[in-house]
Amino acid sequence: MALDQGAMIDPRALRMFHEVCTAGSISGAARAMHISQPSVSAAIALLETRLGTALFERTRAGVVLTPAGQVLRTRAHMLDNLLRDAEADVAAAREGGIGVLRVGGTPGALVSLLPAGIAGLDREFDHLSLSMIVRSDHELTEMLRSGEIDLAFVTTEIEQPPADIAERTLRKDPFALLVAADHPLPDRPISLRRAEGLRWVLPEAEGGFRRQIDALFLAAGVGIPRDVVRCDSLLAMKAIVRESTRVTILPIHVAASELHDGALRAIALAEAATNRSVGVHWYAPRGLSPLAARMLDLIAAQP
């Protein structure tokens, strides 16, 4: 099948292709788009002719993407997200807003940064439309590339991000040993060597946050604790520490409300270099929207 050099890809055909991928069949896409099945089939056939390659293998169960179809699916998904954002931004502007911001992040980074960003935007604008999701580092990178999110709030300065992902560190937040208010440990600084025999709660999810905590133990020359409860939820980690004699390591800002209320105590770590870096990633080829850029500036300006 030869590539037709005569015309650009029809965006409508690309959207139909995306619907076929989502539905898993041409008939399912036709129902979702409220058009006839022959119309979808004809659009896909013209798209394949234009690109000079088959995009699907037809089976009794539906359609299966070819390698070329898998590549195009990523671009079609990006277009679908772009059109969604364009519609949402225009609707926000029509109602006196400033556009829509979609962000994702890991739990600790979101807690450390996003509230200050929202508070700053609220002071400047009458209307704000923002949606937030929590995902792993790898998932966030793929969502940035597809346009599903504009910003990813993550632990930074752990490793070099991919070439197409930009990184900006916004805050340094010192790690501390967190214990219940009535825990027998005194408030004076403690070495991880001395704390090795304690009972622990530590993050479960793989990612920059866990790697940074694990690195603290390695830098102190001690192994990862064996008596440990692994937990994906920061809220649950803090609750376990509050109600037991277990301890954890978290950035001070992540536990700010519990420390303020007196539910937890923070004990300084004696080891050097116990700061955690948090910031954002974004898809470099697309750049930052004015709203996203303003949010980052407002967060960076916080003391």
C-alpha atoms as a PDB file:
ATOM      1  CA  MET A   1       0.000   0.000   0.000  1.00  0.00           C
ATOM      2  CA  ALA A   2       1.708   3.199  -1.183  1.00  0.00           C
ATOM      3  CA  LEU A   3       1.679   6.423   0.811  1.00  0.00           C
ATOM      4  CA  ASP A   4      -0.600   9.081  -0.683  1.00  0.00           C
ATOM      5  CA  GLN A   5       1.409  12.311  -0.600  1.00  0.00           C
ATOM      6  CA  GLY A   6      -1.443  14.436  -1.904  1.00  0.00           C
ATOM      7  CA  ALA A   7      -3.204  15.543   1.274  1.00  0.00           C
ATOM      8  CA  MET A   8      -2.925  16.012   4.990  1.00  0.00           C
ATOM      9  CA  ILE A   9      -4.515  13.545   7.378  1.00  0.00           C
ATOM     10  CA  ASP A  10      -8.195  14.361   7.844  1.00  0.00           C
ATOM     11  CA  PRO A  11      -8.669  15.182  11.550  1.00  0.00           C
ATOM     12  CA  ARG A  12     -12.204  13.775  11.397  1.00  0.00           C
ATOM     13  CA  ALA A  13     -10.841  10.438  10.191  1.00  0.00           C
ATOM     14  CA  LEU A  14      -8.273  10.510  12.972  1.00  0.00           C
ATOM     15  CA  ARG A  15     -11.042  11.017  15.535  1.00  0.00           C
ATOM     16  CA  MET A  16     -12.973   8.093  14.046  1.00  0.00           C
ATOM     17  CA  PHE A  17      -9.813   6.006  14.267  1.00  0.00           C
ATOM     18  CA  HIS A  18      -9.508   6.960  17.947  1.00  0.00           C
ATOM     19  CA  GLU A  19     -13.109   5.913  18.570  1.00  0.00           C
ATOM     20  CA  VAL A  20     -12.480   2.543  16.886  1.00  0.00           C
ATOM     21  CA  CYS A  21      -9.441   2.039  19.170  1.00  0.00           C
ATOM     22  CA  THR A  22     -11.516   2.940  22.223  1.00  0.00           C
ATOM     23  CA  ALA A  23     -14.525   0.811  21.290  1.00  0.00           C
ATOM     24  CA  GLY A  24     -12.498  -2.123  19.982  1.00  0.00           C
ATOM     25  CA  SER A  25     -14.615  -2.421  16.847  1.00  0.00           C
ATOM     26  CA  ILE A  26     -15.880  -0.390  13.915  1.00  0.00           C
ATOM     27  CA  SER A  27     -19.491  -1.074  14.860  1.00  0.00           C
ATOM     28  CA  GLY A  28     -18.860   0.080  18.427  1.00  0.00           C
ATOM     29  CA  ALA A  29     -17.255   3.295  17.174  1.00  0.00           C
ATOM     30  CA  ALA A  30     -20.219   3.922  14.868  1.00  0.00           C
ATOM     31  CA  ARG A  31     -22.642   3.571  17.767  1.00  0.00           C
ATOM     32  CA  ALA A  32     -20.554   5.885  19.979  1.00  0.00           C
ATOM     33  CA  MET A  33     -20.397   8.559  17.281  1.00  0.00           C
ATOM     34  CA  HIS A  34     -24.047   8.100  16.167  1.00  0.00           C
ATOM     35  CA  ILE A  35     -23.095   7.525  12.535  1.00  0.00           C
ATOM     36  CA  SER A  36     -23.383   4.558  10.209  1.00  0.00           C
ATOM     37  CA  GLN A  37     -20.891   1.699  10.255  1.00  0.00           C
ATOM     38  CA  PRO A  38     -20.123   2.072   6.500  1.00  0.00           C
ATOM     39  CA  SER A  39     -19.166   5.722   7.137  1.00  0.00           C
ATOM     40  CA  VAL A  40     -16.605   4.691   9.746  1.00  0.00           C
ATOM     41  CA  SER A  41     -15.279   1.867   7.563  1.00  0.00           C
ATOM     42  CA  ALA A  42     -14.877   4.243   4.598  1.00  0.00           C
ATOM     43  CA  ALA A  43     -13.061   6.846   6.731  1.00  0.00           C
ATOM     44  CA  ILE A  44     -10.625   4.236   8.076  1.00  0.00           C
ATOM     45  CA  ALA A  45     -10.017   2.867   4.561  1.00  0.00           C
ATOM     46  CA  LEU A  46      -9.212   6.383   3.269  1.00  0.00           C
ATOM     47  CA  LEU A  47      -6.913   6.975   6.257  1.00  0.00           C
ATOM     48  CA  GLU A  48      -5.047   3.741   5.557  1.00  0.00           C
ATOM     49  CA  THR A  49      -4.722   4.734   1.897  1.00  0.00           C
ATOM     50  CA  ARG A  50      -3.413   8.151   2.876  1.00  0.00           C
ATOM     51  CA  LEU A  51      -0.806   6.624   5.211  1.00  0.00           C
ATOM     52  CA  GLY A  52       0.080   3.741   2.915  1.00  0.00           C
ATOM     53  CA  THR A  53      -0.313   1.077   5.591  1.00  0.00           C
ATOM     54  CA  ALA A  54      -2.910  -1.035   7.354  1.00  0.00           C
ATOM     55  CA  LEU A  55      -3.888   0.224  10.797  1.00  0.00           C
ATOM     56  CA  PHE A  56      -6.022  -2.719  11.934  1.00  0.00           C
ATOM     57  CA  GLU A  57      -6.241  -6.428  11.493  1.00  0.00           C
ATOM     58  CA  ARG A  58      -9.917  -7.373  11.336  1.00  0.00           C
ATOM     59  CA  THR A  59     -10.952 -10.371  13.442  1.00  0.00           C
ATOM     60  CA  ARG A  60     -14.284 -11.899  14.431  1.00  0.00           C
ATOM     61  CA  ALA A  61     -13.865 -10.382  17.892  1.00  0.00           C
ATOM     62  CA  GLY A  62     -13.213  -6.886  16.539  1.00  0.00           C
ATOM     63  CA  VAL A  63     -10.056  -5.135  15.421  1.00  0.00           C
ATOM     64  CA  VAL A  64      -6.427  -5.502  16.483  1.00  0.00           C
ATOM     65  CA  LEU A  65      -3.970  -2.666  15.962  1.00  0.00           C
ATOM     66  CA  THR A  66      -0.988  -3.207  13.701  1.00  0.00           C
ATOM     67  CA  PRO A  67       2.375  -1.692  14.768  1.00  0.00           C
ATOM     68  CA  ALA A  68       1.570   1.354  12.603  1.00  0.00           C
ATOM     69  CA  GLY A  69      -1.858   1.573  14.208  1.00  0.00           C
ATOM     70  CA  GLN A  70      -0.337   1.525  17.683  1.00  0.00           C
ATOM     71  CA  VAL A  71       1.884   4.480  16.779  1.00  0.00           C
ATOM     72  CA  LEU A  72      -1.026   6.417  15.305  1.00  0.00           C
ATOM     73  CA  ARG A  73      -3.208   5.660  18.322  1.00  0.00           C
ATOM     74  CA  THR A  74      -0.860   7.695  20.533  1.00  0.00           C
ATOM     75  CA  ARG A  75      -1.147  10.696  18.196  1.00  0.00           C
ATOM     76  CA  ALA A  76      -4.913  10.298  17.874  1.00  0.00           C
ATOM     77  CA  HIS A  77      -5.202  10.257  21.662  1.00  0.00           C
ATOM     78  CA  MET A  78      -3.158  13.477  21.827  1.00  0.00           C
ATOM     79  CA  LEU A  79      -5.476  15.109  19.275  1.00  0.00           C
ATOM     80  CA  ASP A  80      -8.537  14.010  21.223  1.00  0.00           C
ATOM     81  CA  ASN A  81      -7.114  15.560  24.401  1.00  0.00           C
ATOM     82  CA  LEU A  82      -6.181  18.737  22.516  1.00  0.00           C
ATOM     83  CA  LEU A  83      -9.709  19.163  21.180  1.00  0.00           C
ATOM     84  CA  ARG A  84     -11.151  18.444  24.637  1.00  0.00           C
ATOM     85  CA  ASP A  85      -8.917  21.127  26.159  1.00  0.00           C
ATOM     86  CA  ALA A  86      -9.769  23.639  23.430  1.00  0.00           C
ATOM     87  CA  GLU A  87     -13.486  23.171  24.066  1.00  0.00           C
ATOM     88  CA  ALA A  88     -13.006  23.423  27.858  1.00  0.00           C
ATOM     89  CA  ASP A  89     -10.823  26.539  27.581  1.00  0.00           C
ATOM     90  CA  VAL A  90     -13.345  28.328  25.362  1.00  0.00           C
ATOM     91  CA  ALA A  91     -16.180  27.375  27.735  1.00  0.00           C
ATOM     92  CA  ALA A  92     -14.175  28.710  30.694  1.00  0.00           C
ATOM     93  CA  ALA A  93     -13.427  31.963  28.876  1.00  0.00           C
ATOM     94  CA  ARG A  94     -17.093  32.347  27.941  1.00  0.00           C
ATOM     95  CA  GLU A  95     -17.996  32.109  31.630  1.00  0.00           C
ATOM     96  CA  GLY A  96     -15.322  34.562  32.736  1.00  0.00           C
ATOM     97  CA  GLY A  97     -12.691  31.997  33.711  1.00  0.00           C
ATOM     98  CA  ILE A  98      -9.074  31.576  32.614  1.00  0.00           C
ATOM     99  CA  GLY A  99      -9.017  28.127  31.095  1.00  0.00           C
ATOM    100  CA  VAL A 100      -8.755  24.613  32.463  1.00  0.00           C
ATOM    101  CA  LEU A 101      -5.751  23.063  34.196  1.00  0.00           C
ATOM    102  CA  ARG A 102      -5.341  19.303  34.515  1.00  0.00           C
ATOM    103  CA  VAL A 103      -2.650  18.088  36.867  1.00  0.00           C
ATOM    104  CA  GLY A 104      -1.421  14.794  38.237  1.00  0.00           C
ATOM    105  CA  GLY A 105       1.138  13.821  40.777  1.00  0.00           C
ATOM    106  CA  THR A 106       2.430  11.526  43.435  1.00  0.00           C
ATOM    107  CA  PRO A 107       0.728  11.933  46.832  1.00  0.00           C
ATOM    108  CA  GLY A 108       3.561  13.617  48.726  1.00  0.00           C
ATOM    109  CA  ALA A 109       4.428  16.081  45.980  1.00  0.00           C
ATOM    110  CA  LEU A 110       0.786  17.086  45.519  1.00  0.00           C
ATOM    111  CA  VAL A 111       0.351  17.693  49.251  1.00  0.00           C
ATOM    112  CA  SER A 112       3.545  19.752  49.370  1.00  0.00           C
ATOM    113  CA  LEU A 113       2.864  22.015  46.390  1.00  0.00           C
ATOM    114  CA  LEU A 114      -0.651  22.018  44.945  1.00  0.00           C
ATOM    115  CA  PRO A 115      -2.537  23.713  47.832  1.00  0.00           C
ATOM    116  CA  ALA A 116      -0.241  26.760  47.632  1.00  0.00           C
ATOM    117  CA  GLY A 117      -0.703  26.904  43.854  1.00  0.00           C
ATOM    118  CA  ILE A 118      -4.497  26.784  44.083  1.00  0.00           C
ATOM    119  CA  ALA A 119      -4.540  29.391  46.851  1.00  0.00           C
ATOM    120  CA  GLY A 120      -2.385  31.706  44.727  1.00  0.00           C
ATOM    121  CA  LEU A 121      -4.590  31.364  41.660  1.00  0.00           C
ATOM    122  CA  ASP A 122      -7.727  31.878  43.758  1.00  0.00           C
ATOM    123  CA  ARG A 123      -6.336  35.227  44.918  1.00  0.00           C
ATOM    124  CA  GLU A 124      -5.812  36.388  41.334  1.00  0.00           C
ATOM    125  CA  PHE A 125      -8.803  34.977  39.459  1.00  0.00           C
ATOM    126  CA  ASP A 126     -12.529  34.778  40.118  1.00  0.00           C
ATOM    127  CA  HIS A 127     -12.994  31.379  38.480  1.00  0.00           C
ATOM    128  CA  LEU A 128     -10.659  28.381  38.379  1.00  0.00           C
ATOM    129  CA  SER A 129     -11.298  24.999  36.767  1.00  0.00           C
ATOM    130  CA  LEU A 130      -8.738  22.403  37.849  1.00  0.00           C
ATOM    131  CA  SER A 131      -8.798  18.617  37.972  1.00  0.00           C
ATOM    132  CA  MET A 132      -6.278  16.437  39.798  1.00  0.00           C
ATOM    133  CA  ILE A 133      -5.371  12.744  39.728  1.00  0.00           C
ATOM    134  CA  VAL A 134      -2.844  10.637  41.655  1.00  0.00           C
ATOM    135  CA  ARG A 135      -0.647   8.255  39.659  1.00  0.00           C
ATOM    136  CA  SER A 136       2.824   6.681  39.677  1.00  0.00           C
ATOM    137  CA  ASP A 137       5.830   8.460  38.169  1.00  0.00           C
ATOM    138  CA  HIS A 138       5.801   6.311  35.020  1.00  0.00           C
ATOM    139  CA  GLU A 139       2.075   6.771  34.428  1.00  0.00           C
ATOM    140  CA  LEU A 140       2.418  10.533  34.878  1.00  0.00           C
ATOM    141  CA  THR A 141       5.121  10.733  32.206  1.00  0.00           C
ATOM    142  CA  GLU A 142       2.925   8.945  29.683  1.00  0.00           C
ATOM    143  CA  MET A 143      -0.038  11.153  30.574  1.00  0.00           C
ATOM    144  CA  LEU A 144       2.061  14.274  29.980  1.00  0.00           C
ATOM    145  CA  ARG A 145       3.034  12.988  26.547  1.00  0.00           C
ATOM    146  CA  SER A 146      -0.553  12.197  25.573  1.00  0.00           C
ATOM    147  CA  GLY A 147      -1.860  15.545  26.794  1.00  0.00           C
ATOM    148  CA  GLU A 148      -4.096  14.028  29.473  1.00  0.00           C
ATOM    149  CA  ILE A 149      -2.453  16.296  32.059  1.00  0.00           C
ATOM    150  CA  ASP A 150      -0.579  19.607  31.837  1.00  0.00           C
ATOM    151  CA  LEU A 151       1.631  19.234  34.910  1.00  0.00           C
ATOM    152  CA  ALA A 152       2.932  16.362  37.024  1.00  0.00           C
ATOM    153  CA  PHE A 153       3.874  17.123  40.632  1.00  0.00           C
ATOM    154  CA  VAL A 154       6.713  14.762  41.550  1.00  0.00           C
ATOM    155  CA  THR A 155       9.892  14.247  43.542  1.00  0.00           C
ATOM    156  CA  THR A 156      12.667  15.925  41.529  1.00  0.00           C
ATOM    157  CA  GLU A 157      16.457  15.776  41.258  1.00  0.00           C
ATOM    158  CA  ILE A 158      16.476  11.996  41.624  1.00  0.00           C
ATOM    159  CA  GLU A 159      17.504  11.201  38.063  1.00  0.00           C
ATOM    160  CA  GLN A 160      17.658  12.920  34.706  1.00  0.00           C
ATOM    161  CA  PRO A 161      14.150  13.027  33.212  1.00  0.00           C
ATOM    162  CA  PRO A 162      13.593  11.877  29.603  1.00  0.00           C
ATOM    163  CA  ALA A 163      14.661  14.340  26.900  1.00  0.00           C
ATOM    164  CA  ASP A 164      11.073  15.364  26.132  1.00  0.00           C
ATOM    165  CA  ILE A 165      10.146  15.984  29.791  1.00  0.00           C
ATOM    166  CA  ALA A 166      11.066  19.309  31.426  1.00  0.00           C
ATOM    167  CA  GLU A 167      11.671  19.511  35.180  1.00  0.00           C
ATOM    168  CA  ARG A 168      11.499  22.390  37.647  1.00  0.00           C
ATOM    169  CA  THR A 169      12.219  22.072  41.362  1.00  0.00           C
ATOM    170  CA  LEU A 170       9.971  24.324  43.445  1.00  0.00           C
ATOM    171  CA  ARG A 171      10.718  23.447  47.061  1.00  0.00           C
ATOM    172  CA  LYS A 172      13.237  21.770  49.346  1.00  0.00           C
ATOM    173  CA  ASP A 173      11.501  19.998  52.207  1.00  0.00           C
ATOM    174  CA  PRO A 174      13.591  18.400  54.981  1.00  0.00           C
ATOM    175  CA  PHE A 175      12.891  14.811  55.961  1.00  0.00           C
ATOM    176  CA  ALA A 176      12.267  14.093  59.635  1.00  0.00           C
ATOM    177  CA  LEU A 177      11.466  11.094  61.784  1.00  0.00           C
ATOM    178  CA  LEU A 178       7.747  11.284  62.618  1.00  0.00           C
ATOM    179  CA  VAL A 179       6.397   9.710  65.811  1.00  0.00           C
ATOM    180  CA  ALA A 180       3.190   9.829  67.813  1.00  0.00           C
ATOM    181  CA  ALA A 181       2.814  12.678  70.264  1.00  0.00           C
ATOM    182  CA  ASP A 182       3.305  10.294  73.227  1.00  0.00           C
ATOM    183  CA  HIS A 183       6.124   8.216  71.717  1.00  0.00           C
ATOM    184  CA  PRO A 184       8.966   7.627  74.217  1.00  0.00           C
ATOM    185  CA  LEU A 185      11.675   8.948  71.885  1.00  0.00           C
ATOM    186  CA  PRO A 186      12.950  12.380  72.990  1.00  0.00           C
ATOM    187  CA  ASP A 187      12.890  15.384  70.656  1.00  0.00           C
ATOM    188  CA  ARG A 188      16.660  15.649  70.184  1.00  0.00           C
ATOM    189  CA  PRO A 189      18.117  14.758  66.740  1.00  0.00           C
ATOM    190  CA  ILE A 190      18.476  11.060  66.060  1.00  0.00           C
ATOM    191  CA  SER A 191      20.730   9.110  63.732  1.00  0.00           C
ATOM    192  CA  LEU A 192      19.229   6.480  61.458  1.00  0.00           C
ATOM    193  CA  ARG A 193      21.829   4.104  62.864  1.00  0.00           C
ATOM    194  CA  ARG A 194      20.255   4.513  66.293  1.00  0.00           C
ATOM    195  CA  ALA A 195      16.755   4.281  64.832  1.00  0.00           C
ATOM    196  CA  GLU A 196      17.484   1.044  62.969  1.00  0.00           C
ATOM    197  CA  GLY A 197      15.814  -1.119  65.631  1.00  0.00           C
ATOM    198  CA  LEU A 198      12.556   0.834  65.675  1.00  0.00           C
ATOM    199  CA  ARG A 199       9.310  -0.420  64.139  1.00  0.00           C
ATOM    200  CA  TRP A 200       8.558   1.362  60.869  1.00  0.00           C
ATOM    201  CA  VAL A 201       5.915   2.417  58.372  1.00  0.00           C
ATOM    202  CA  LEU A 202       7.378   3.216  54.949  1.00  0.00           C
ATOM    203  CA  PRO A 203       6.018   3.868  51.435  1.00  0.00           C
ATOM    204  CA  GLU A 204       5.149   0.877  49.283  1.00  0.00           C
ATOM    205  CA  ALA A 205       4.852   2.390  45.808  1.00  0.00           C
ATOM    206  CA  GLU A 206       7.957   2.382  43.637  1.00  0.00           C
ATOM    207  CA  GLY A 207       8.984   5.843  42.496  1.00  0.00           C
ATOM    208  CA  GLY A 208      11.166   8.825  43.284  1.00  0.00           C
ATOM    209  CA  PHE A 209       9.736   9.311  46.777  1.00  0.00           C
ATOM    210  CA  ARG A 210      10.462   5.753  47.907  1.00  0.00           C
ATOM    211  CA  ARG A 211      13.898   5.741  46.250  1.00  0.00           C
ATOM    212  CA  GLN A 212      14.807   8.916  48.107  1.00  0.00           C
ATOM    213  CA  ILE A 213      13.778   7.452  51.470  1.00  0.00           C
ATOM    214  CA  ASP A 214      15.616   4.195  50.760  1.00  0.00           C
ATOM    215  CA  ALA A 215      18.680   6.265  49.828  1.00  0.00           C
ATOM    216  CA  LEU A 216      18.652   7.884  53.291  1.00  0.00           C
ATOM    217  CA  PHE A 217      19.161   4.485  54.924  1.00  0.00           C
ATOM    218  CA  LEU A 218      21.879   3.522  52.456  1.00  0.00           C
ATOM    219  CA  ALA A 219      23.701   6.839  52.956  1.00  0.00           C
ATOM    220  CA  ALA A 220      23.629   6.265  56.721  1.00  0.00           C
ATOM    221  CA  GLY A 221      25.199   2.837  56.215  1.00  0.00           C
ATOM    222  CA  VAL A 222      22.214   0.892  57.525  1.00  0.00           C
ATOM    223  CA  GLY A 223      19.927  -1.575  55.801  1.00  0.00           C
ATOM    224  CA  ILE A 224      16.286  -1.022  55.013  1.00  0.00           C
ATOM    225  CA  PRO A 225      14.313  -1.911  58.191  1.00  0.00           C
ATOM    226  CA  ARG A 226      12.960  -5.455  58.397  1.00  0.00           C
ATOM    227  CA  ASP A 227      10.146  -4.703  60.841  1.00  0.00           C
ATOM    228  CA  VAL A 228       8.228  -2.511  58.420  1.00  0.00           C
ATOM    229  CA  VAL A 229       4.645  -1.962  57.313  1.00  0.00           C
ATOM    230  CA  ARG A 230       4.628  -0.927  53.644  1.00  0.00           C
ATOM    231  CA  CYS A 231       1.789   1.395  52.699  1.00  0.00           C
ATOM    232  CA  ASP A 232       0.680   3.208  49.533  1.00  0.00           C
ATOM    233  CA  SER A 233      -1.359   5.859  51.337  1.00  0.00           C
ATOM    234  CA  LEU A 234       0.249   8.824  53.075  1.00  0.00           C
ATOM    235  CA  LEU A 235      -2.942   9.305  55.080  1.00  0.00           C
ATOM    236  CA  ALA A 236      -2.792   5.712  56.319  1.00  0.00           C
ATOM    237  CA  MET A 237       0.946   5.978  57.071  1.00  0.00           C
ATOM    238  CA  LYS A 238       0.379   8.973  59.311  1.00  0.00           C
ATOM    239  CA  ALA A 239      -2.631   7.352  61.002  1.00  0.00           C
ATOM    240  CA  ILE A 240      -0.644   4.197  61.817  1.00  0.00           C
ATOM    241  CA  VAL A 241       2.154   6.265  63.334  1.00  0.00           C
ATOM    242  CA  ARG A 242      -0.338   8.347  65.311  1.00  0.00           C
ATOM    243  CA  GLU A 243      -2.025   5.281  66.836  1.00  0.00           C
ATOM    244  CA  SER A 244       1.021   3.055  67.459  1.00  0.00           C
ATOM    245  CA  THR A 245       4.685   3.050  68.431  1.00  0.00           C
ATOM    246  CA  ARG A 246       5.753   2.766  64.790  1.00  0.00           C
ATOM    247  CA  VAL A 247       7.720   5.595  63.206  1.00  0.00           C
ATOM    248  CA  THR A 248       8.158   6.861  59.665  1.00  0.00           C
ATOM    249  CA  ILE A 249      10.260   9.249  57.624  1.00  0.00           C
ATOM    250  CA  LEU A 250       8.367  11.959  55.782  1.00  0.00           C
ATOM    251  CA  PRO A 251       9.048  15.485  54.582  1.00  0.00           C
ATOM    252  CA  ILE A 252       7.995  18.031  57.201  1.00  0.00           C
ATOM    253  CA  HIS A 253       5.527  19.761  54.858  1.00  0.00           C
ATOM    254  CA  VAL A 254       3.671  16.512  54.136  1.00  0.00           C
ATOM    255  CA  ALA A 255       2.790  16.202  57.829  1.00  0.00           C
ATOM    256  CA  ALA A 256       2.299  19.935  58.488  1.00  0.00           C
ATOM    257  CA  SER A 257      -1.307  19.666  59.638  1.00  0.00           C
ATOM    258  CA  GLU A 258      -0.688  16.748  62.053  1.00  0.00           C
ATOM    259  CA  LEU A 259       2.377  18.516  63.466  1.00  0.00           C
ATOM    260  CA  HIS A 260       0.399  21.728  63.913  1.00  0.00           C
ATOM    261  CA  ASP A 261      -2.413  19.879  65.707  1.00  0.00           C
ATOM    262  CA  GLY A 262       0.028  18.029  67.962  1.00  0.00           C
ATOM    263  CA  ALA A 263      -1.005  14.575  66.729  1.00  0.00           C
ATOM    264  CA  LEU A 264       2.557  13.859  65.572  1.00  0.00           C
ATOM    265  CA  ARG A 265       6.028  15.010  66.551  1.00  0.00           C
ATOM    266  CA  ALA A 266       8.940  15.568  64.187  1.00  0.00           C
ATOM    267  CA  ILE A 267      12.411  14.499  65.311  1.00  0.00           C
ATOM    268  CA  ALA A 268      15.293  15.883  63.260  1.00  0.00           C
ATOM    269  CA  LEU A 269      17.587  13.402  61.522  1.00  0.00           C
ATOM    270  CA  ALA A 270      21.267  13.722  62.403  1.00  0.00           C
ATOM    271  CA  GLU A 271      22.442  12.713  58.929  1.00  0.00           C
ATOM    272  CA  ALA A 272      23.373  15.420  56.436  1.00  0.00           C
ATOM    273  CA  ALA A 273      21.649  15.903  53.080  1.00  0.00           C
ATOM    274  CA  THR A 274      18.164  14.941  54.233  1.00  0.00           C
ATOM    275  CA  ASN A 275      16.307  17.460  52.068  1.00  0.00           C
ATOM    276  CA  ARG A 276      13.732  16.210  49.618  1.00  0.00           C
ATOM    277  CA  SER A 277      13.220  18.092  46.359  1.00  0.00           C
ATOM    278  CA  VAL A 278       9.724  18.448  44.919  1.00  0.00           C
ATOM    279  CA  GLY A 279       8.580  20.152  41.765  1.00  0.00           C
ATOM    280  CA  VAL A 280       6.918  19.544  38.442  1.00  0.00           C
ATOM    281  CA  HIS A 281       7.385  17.842  35.114  1.00  0.00           C
ATOM    282  CA  TRP A 282       5.762  18.905  31.850  1.00  0.00           C
ATOM    283  CA  TYR A 283       5.930  17.836  28.217  1.00  0.00           C
ATOM    284  CA  ALA A 284       8.679  20.045  26.790  1.00  0.00           C
ATOM    285  CA  PRO A 285       7.569  20.094  23.104  1.00  0.00           C
ATOM    286  CA  ARG A 286       4.143  21.414  24.115  1.00  0.00           C
ATOM    287  CA  GLY A 287       5.459  23.885  26.691  1.00  0.00           C
ATOM    288  CA  LEU A 288       3.451  25.452  29.499  1.00  0.00           C
ATOM    289  CA  SER A 289       0.086  27.119  29.182  1.00  0.00           C
ATOM    290  CA  PRO A 290      -0.116  30.636  30.688  1.00  0.00           C
ATOM    291  CA  LEU A 291      -2.234  29.254  33.541  1.00  0.00           C
ATOM    292  CA  ALA A 292       0.233  26.455  34.321  1.00  0.00           C
ATOM    293  CA  ALA A 293       3.193  28.850  34.163  1.00  0.00           C
ATOM    294  CA  ARG A 294       1.468  31.277  36.521  1.00  0.00           C
ATOM    295  CA  MET A 295       0.714  28.526  39.019  1.00  0.00           C
ATOM    296  CA  LEU A 296       4.369  27.479  39.096  1.00  0.00           C
ATOM    297  CA  ASP A 297       5.523  31.065  39.633  1.00  0.00           C
ATOM    298  CA  LEU A 298       3.073  31.469  42.506  1.00  0.00           C
ATOM    299  CA  ILE A 299       4.270  28.259  44.173  1.00  0.00           C
ATOM    300  CA  ALA A 300       7.918  29.241  43.727  1.00  0.00           C
ATOM    301  CA  ALA A 301       7.220  32.630  45.371  1.00  0.00           C
ATOM    302  CA  GLN A 302       5.964  30.956  48.567  1.00  0.00           C
ATOM    303  CA  PRO A 303       8.389  31.282  51.536  1.00  0.00           C
END
